[in-house]
Protein backbone atom coordinates (compact mmCIF):
# COMPACT_ATOMS: atom_id res chain seq x y z
CA MET A 1 -10.25 -6.62 -51.57
CA SER A 2 -7.78 -8.94 -49.81
CA GLU A 3 -5.65 -7.67 -46.95
CA LEU A 4 -2.48 -8.34 -48.92
CA LYS A 5 -3.70 -6.30 -51.89
CA GLN A 6 -4.68 -3.42 -49.58
CA GLN A 7 -1.35 -3.42 -47.84
CA PHE A 8 0.36 -3.45 -51.26
CA GLU A 9 -1.66 -0.49 -52.53
CA ASP A 10 -0.85 1.42 -49.31
CA ALA A 11 2.72 0.64 -49.73
CA VAL A 12 2.77 1.64 -53.37
CA LYS A 13 1.10 5.03 -52.42
CA PHE A 14 3.72 5.70 -49.83
CA VAL A 15 6.62 4.93 -52.11
CA GLN A 16 5.17 7.02 -54.93
CA SER A 17 4.29 9.99 -52.75
CA GLY A 18 7.84 10.43 -51.38
CA ASP A 19 6.45 11.41 -48.03
CA GLY A 20 8.68 11.95 -44.99
CA ASP A 21 12.40 11.04 -44.94
CA PHE A 22 12.03 8.10 -47.31
CA LYS A 23 14.22 8.97 -50.26
CA PRO A 24 15.25 5.68 -51.90
CA GLU A 25 18.36 5.44 -54.08
CA ASN A 26 17.97 4.50 -57.78
CA ASP A 27 18.79 0.81 -57.11
CA LEU A 28 15.93 0.58 -54.52
CA LYS A 29 13.61 2.45 -56.87
CA LEU A 30 14.37 -0.23 -59.52
CA GLN A 31 13.59 -2.99 -57.11
CA PHE A 32 10.26 -1.43 -56.17
CA TYR A 33 9.50 -0.87 -59.85
CA ALA A 34 10.25 -4.52 -60.74
CA LEU A 35 8.17 -5.89 -57.91
CA TYR A 36 5.27 -3.51 -58.77
CA LYS A 37 5.35 -4.58 -62.51
CA GLN A 38 5.58 -8.28 -61.47
CA ALA A 39 2.65 -7.89 -59.12
CA THR A 40 0.46 -6.01 -61.54
CA GLU A 41 1.48 -7.42 -64.94
CA GLY A 42 3.27 -10.74 -64.42
CA ASP A 43 6.52 -11.74 -66.18
CA VAL A 44 8.35 -9.26 -68.23
CA LYS A 45 7.35 -9.08 -71.97
CA GLY A 46 8.79 -7.66 -75.10
CA LYS A 47 12.30 -7.07 -76.32
CA LYS A 48 15.00 -5.75 -74.00
CA PRO A 49 15.72 -2.14 -74.79
CA GLY A 50 18.93 -1.25 -76.68
CA LEU A 51 22.28 -0.44 -75.00
CA THR A 52 21.76 3.33 -75.54
CA ASN A 53 18.43 3.28 -73.64
CA PHE A 54 20.00 3.09 -70.18
CA VAL A 55 16.84 3.71 -68.13
CA GLY A 56 14.69 1.39 -70.16
CA ARG A 57 17.28 -1.28 -70.04
CA ALA A 58 17.73 -1.00 -66.34
CA LYS A 59 14.01 -1.22 -65.76
CA TYR A 60 13.70 -4.25 -68.00
CA SER A 61 16.64 -6.02 -66.36
CA ALA A 62 15.19 -5.33 -62.85
CA TRP A 63 11.81 -6.70 -63.83
CA GLU A 64 13.41 -9.68 -65.52
CA ALA A 65 15.20 -10.51 -62.26
CA VAL A 66 11.99 -11.15 -60.51
CA LYS A 67 10.57 -13.30 -63.38
CA GLY A 68 8.52 -16.26 -62.10
CA LEU A 69 7.23 -14.64 -58.86
CA SER A 70 3.48 -14.91 -58.44
CA ALA A 71 1.49 -11.66 -57.98
CA ASP A 72 1.04 -12.42 -54.29
CA GLN A 73 4.71 -13.13 -53.82
CA ALA A 74 5.67 -9.96 -55.55
CA MET A 75 3.21 -7.89 -53.49
CA GLN A 76 4.53 -9.35 -50.31
CA SER A 77 8.14 -8.76 -51.35
CA TYR A 78 7.30 -5.15 -52.08
CA ILE A 79 5.68 -4.74 -48.62
CA ASP A 80 8.54 -6.51 -46.84
CA LYS A 81 11.20 -4.44 -48.67
CA LEU A 82 9.47 -1.15 -47.64
CA ALA A 83 9.18 -2.35 -43.99
CA LYS A 84 12.91 -2.59 -43.86
CA TYR A 85 13.31 1.18 -44.64
CA ARG A 86 10.40 2.61 -42.64
C-alpha cells in the first residue's frame, strides 16, 4: 500500500471516529465527504436529488464541486484539510 493511501485511510478513520476535540461543522463534514467519494469512486454519477431531499442534494453538490480531481489529489486534499484542524 502506498504511503499516501495509508495516510488517507488513517485520516478517514480519525474523522469517522470523532475522537478527541475534533467536532467538524456540517460544511466541513460535506467537504470531507466529497473528497472521500472523489478519492474512492471518482467523479459524481447519477441524477442530482430533488429539491426536497436536502441532505442528498447537499452531498451531491459537494461531491460535484470536486469533480475532475484524481484519486491521489482528492486523498491529499483530504489529508491536508484534516491537518488544518488537528
